[in-house]
Amino acid sequence: MKIAVLCDNDTAVGFRLAGIQDVFIPDGSKKEIWNKICERDDIGILFITEKIAEALGKYLKDYRVSHDTPIIVEIPNKKGRLKDHVDFISQLIKKAVGVEVEKR
């Protein structure tokens, strides 16, 4: 399984330097590139910037409910975390373990 990233230009540079080859940068419709990623079955982990995740909204939420892979990890962009953004992985940990994960 591969690691892929759906992000902005600045974030893409860092992931490419880390050796990630499957980096997707939406130049127009985020939904269009999201659909291309969803069609692939070779991606195990997908990093996605919070801003793009927020723009995808319902599409991302519906996909998470109906698919186990890829594991989708939301990350901040170079400007930092979005205010009032709900981290999906932190919610899952809180639900499963009963402990809230602190953000720093």
C-alpha atoms as a PDB file:
ATOM      1  CA  MET A   1       0.000   0.000   0.000  1.00  0.00           C
ATOM      2  CA  LYS A   2       1.127   3.521  -0.801  1.00  0.00           C
ATOM      3  CA  ILE A   3       1.083   6.776   1.099  1.00  0.00           C
ATOM      4  CA  ALA A   4      -0.537   9.678  -0.743  1.00  0.00           C
ATOM      5  CA  VAL A   5      -1.064  13.342   0.021  1.00  0.00           C
ATOM      6  CA  LEU A   6      -3.811  15.766  -1.007  1.00  0.00           C
ATOM      7  CA  CYS A   7      -2.495  19.230  -0.200  1.00  0.00           C
ATOM      8  CA  ASP A   8      -1.429  22.696  -1.308  1.00  0.00           C
ATOM      9  CA  ASN A   9       1.818  23.522  -3.145  1.00  0.00           C
ATOM     10  CA  ASP A  10       3.793  24.480  -0.045  1.00  0.00           C
ATOM     11  CA  THR A  11       2.879  21.327   1.874  1.00  0.00           C
ATOM     12  CA  ALA A  12       3.611  19.207  -1.198  1.00  0.00           C
ATOM     13  CA  VAL A  13       7.258  20.285  -1.219  1.00  0.00           C
ATOM     14  CA  GLY A  14       7.847  18.802   2.228  1.00  0.00           C
ATOM     15  CA  PHE A  15       6.172  15.511   1.396  1.00  0.00           C
ATOM     16  CA  ARG A  16       8.069  15.195  -1.869  1.00  0.00           C
ATOM     17  CA  LEU A  17      11.337  15.804   0.003  1.00  0.00           C
ATOM     18  CA  ALA A  18      10.275  12.996   2.356  1.00  0.00           C
ATOM     19  CA  GLY A  19       9.992  10.661  -0.629  1.00  0.00           C
ATOM     20  CA  ILE A  20       6.222  10.564  -1.108  1.00  0.00           C
ATOM     21  CA  GLN A  21       5.546  10.218  -4.821  1.00  0.00           C
ATOM     22  CA  ASP A  22       1.754  10.313  -4.895  1.00  0.00           C
ATOM     23  CA  VAL A  23       1.136  13.994  -4.154  1.00  0.00           C
ATOM     24  CA  PHE A  24      -2.088  15.538  -5.431  1.00  0.00           C
ATOM     25  CA  ILE A  25      -2.510  19.305  -5.622  1.00  0.00           C
ATOM     26  CA  PRO A  26      -5.981  20.507  -6.597  1.00  0.00           C
ATOM     27  CA  ASP A  27      -5.763  23.289  -9.147  1.00  0.00           C
ATOM     28  CA  GLY A  28      -9.483  23.701  -9.546  1.00  0.00           C
ATOM     29  CA  SER A  29     -12.200  21.385  -8.360  1.00  0.00           C
ATOM     30  CA  LYS A  30     -11.197  19.578  -5.174  1.00  0.00           C
ATOM     31  CA  LYS A  31     -14.050  17.130  -5.735  1.00  0.00           C
ATOM     32  CA  GLU A  32     -12.655  16.066  -9.105  1.00  0.00           C
ATOM     33  CA  ILE A  33      -9.238  15.129  -7.713  1.00  0.00           C
ATOM     34  CA  TRP A  34     -10.926  13.543  -4.669  1.00  0.00           C
ATOM     35  CA  ASN A  35     -12.881  11.250  -7.007  1.00  0.00           C
ATOM     36  CA  LYS A  36      -9.635  10.189  -8.729  1.00  0.00           C
ATOM     37  CA  ILE A  37      -8.100   9.302  -5.366  1.00  0.00           C
ATOM     38  CA  CYS A  38     -11.218   7.351  -4.326  1.00  0.00           C
ATOM     39  CA  GLU A  39     -11.000   5.211  -7.464  1.00  0.00           C
ATOM     40  CA  ARG A  40      -7.539   3.957  -6.517  1.00  0.00           C
ATOM     41  CA  ASP A  41      -7.189   0.859  -4.370  1.00  0.00           C
ATOM     42  CA  ASP A  42      -3.423   1.032  -3.796  1.00  0.00           C
ATOM     43  CA  ILE A  43      -3.445   3.889  -1.256  1.00  0.00           C
ATOM     44  CA  GLY A  44      -3.225   2.827   2.393  1.00  0.00           C
ATOM     45  CA  ILE A  45      -2.753   6.212   4.055  1.00  0.00           C
ATOM     46  CA  LEU A  46      -3.918   9.585   2.754  1.00  0.00           C
ATOM     47  CA  PHE A  47      -2.683  12.798   4.337  1.00  0.00           C
ATOM     48  CA  ILE A  48      -4.998  15.702   3.593  1.00  0.00           C
ATOM     49  CA  THR A  49      -4.692  19.308   4.696  1.00  0.00           C
ATOM     50  CA  GLU A  50      -7.433  20.542   7.003  1.00  0.00           C
ATOM     51  CA  LYS A  51      -8.458  23.268   4.564  1.00  0.00           C
ATOM     52  CA  ILE A  52      -9.034  20.776   1.738  1.00  0.00           C
ATOM     53  CA  ALA A  53     -10.773  18.369   4.120  1.00  0.00           C
ATOM     54  CA  GLU A  54     -13.101  21.173   5.155  1.00  0.00           C
ATOM     55  CA  ALA A  55     -13.817  22.014   1.507  1.00  0.00           C
ATOM     56  CA  LEU A  56     -14.665  18.366   0.745  1.00  0.00           C
ATOM     57  CA  GLY A  57     -16.956  18.234   3.785  1.00  0.00           C
ATOM     58  CA  LYS A  58     -19.749  15.737   3.155  1.00  0.00           C
ATOM     59  CA  TYR A  59     -17.825  13.778   0.498  1.00  0.00           C
ATOM     60  CA  LEU A  60     -15.003  13.061   2.928  1.00  0.00           C
ATOM     61  CA  LYS A  61     -17.363  12.192   5.780  1.00  0.00           C
ATOM     62  CA  ASP A  62     -19.410   9.803   3.621  1.00  0.00           C
ATOM     63  CA  TYR A  63     -16.246   8.123   2.351  1.00  0.00           C
ATOM     64  CA  ARG A  64     -14.920   7.563   5.871  1.00  0.00           C
ATOM     65  CA  VAL A  65     -18.176   5.940   6.932  1.00  0.00           C
ATOM     66  CA  SER A  66     -18.262   3.494   4.027  1.00  0.00           C
ATOM     67  CA  HIS A  67     -14.548   2.642   3.549  1.00  0.00           C
ATOM     68  CA  ASP A  68     -11.801   1.328   5.822  1.00  0.00           C
ATOM     69  CA  THR A  69      -8.915   2.304   3.585  1.00  0.00           C
ATOM     70  CA  PRO A  70      -7.205   4.545   3.007  1.00  0.00           C
ATOM     71  CA  ILE A  71      -6.724   5.805   6.533  1.00  0.00           C
ATOM     72  CA  ILE A  72      -7.280   9.548   6.203  1.00  0.00           C
ATOM     73  CA  VAL A  73      -5.122  11.788   8.373  1.00  0.00           C
ATOM     74  CA  GLU A  74      -5.901  15.500   8.442  1.00  0.00           C
ATOM     75  CA  ILE A  75      -2.884  17.758   8.838  1.00  0.00           C
ATOM     76  CA  PRO A  76      -2.467  21.534   9.160  1.00  0.00           C
ATOM     77  CA  ASN A  77      -0.914  23.514   6.339  1.00  0.00           C
ATOM     78  CA  LYS A  78       2.034  25.899   6.792  1.00  0.00           C
ATOM     79  CA  LYS A  79      -0.214  28.522   8.385  1.00  0.00           C
ATOM     80  CA  GLY A  80      -1.114  26.158  11.243  1.00  0.00           C
ATOM     81  CA  ARG A  81      -4.293  24.521  12.439  1.00  0.00           C
ATOM     82  CA  LEU A  82      -7.663  25.875  11.403  1.00  0.00           C
ATOM     83  CA  LYS A  83      -9.594  27.425  14.239  1.00  0.00           C
ATOM     84  CA  ASP A  84     -12.504  25.261  15.441  1.00  0.00           C
ATOM     85  CA  HIS A  85     -11.517  22.387  13.137  1.00  0.00           C
ATOM     86  CA  VAL A  86     -12.626  18.990  14.443  1.00  0.00           C
ATOM     87  CA  ASP A  87      -9.912  16.353  14.119  1.00  0.00           C
ATOM     88  CA  PHE A  88     -11.493  13.052  13.076  1.00  0.00           C
ATOM     89  CA  ILE A  89      -8.741  10.830  14.524  1.00  0.00           C
ATOM     90  CA  SER A  90      -8.944  12.575  17.916  1.00  0.00           C
ATOM     91  CA  GLN A  91     -12.701  11.977  17.903  1.00  0.00           C
ATOM     92  CA  LEU A  92     -12.186   8.267  17.216  1.00  0.00           C
ATOM     93  CA  ILE A  93      -9.675   7.951  20.064  1.00  0.00           C
ATOM     94  CA  LYS A  94     -11.998   9.747  22.456  1.00  0.00           C
ATOM     95  CA  LYS A  95     -14.903   7.532  21.414  1.00  0.00           C
ATOM     96  CA  ALA A  96     -12.924   4.280  21.677  1.00  0.00           C
ATOM     97  CA  VAL A  97     -10.833   4.953  24.775  1.00  0.00           C
ATOM     98  CA  GLY A  98     -12.720   7.723  26.513  1.00  0.00           C
ATOM     99  CA  VAL A  99      -9.673   9.980  26.662  1.00  0.00           C
ATOM    100  CA  GLU A 100      -9.427  13.298  24.851  1.00  0.00           C
ATOM    101  CA  VAL A 101      -6.233  13.950  22.893  1.00  0.00           C
ATOM    102  CA  GLU A 102      -4.749  17.375  23.571  1.00  0.00           C
ATOM    103  CA  LYS A 103      -3.698  19.561  20.659  1.00  0.00           C
ATOM    104  CA  ARG A 104      -0.553  21.614  21.080  1.00  0.00           C
END
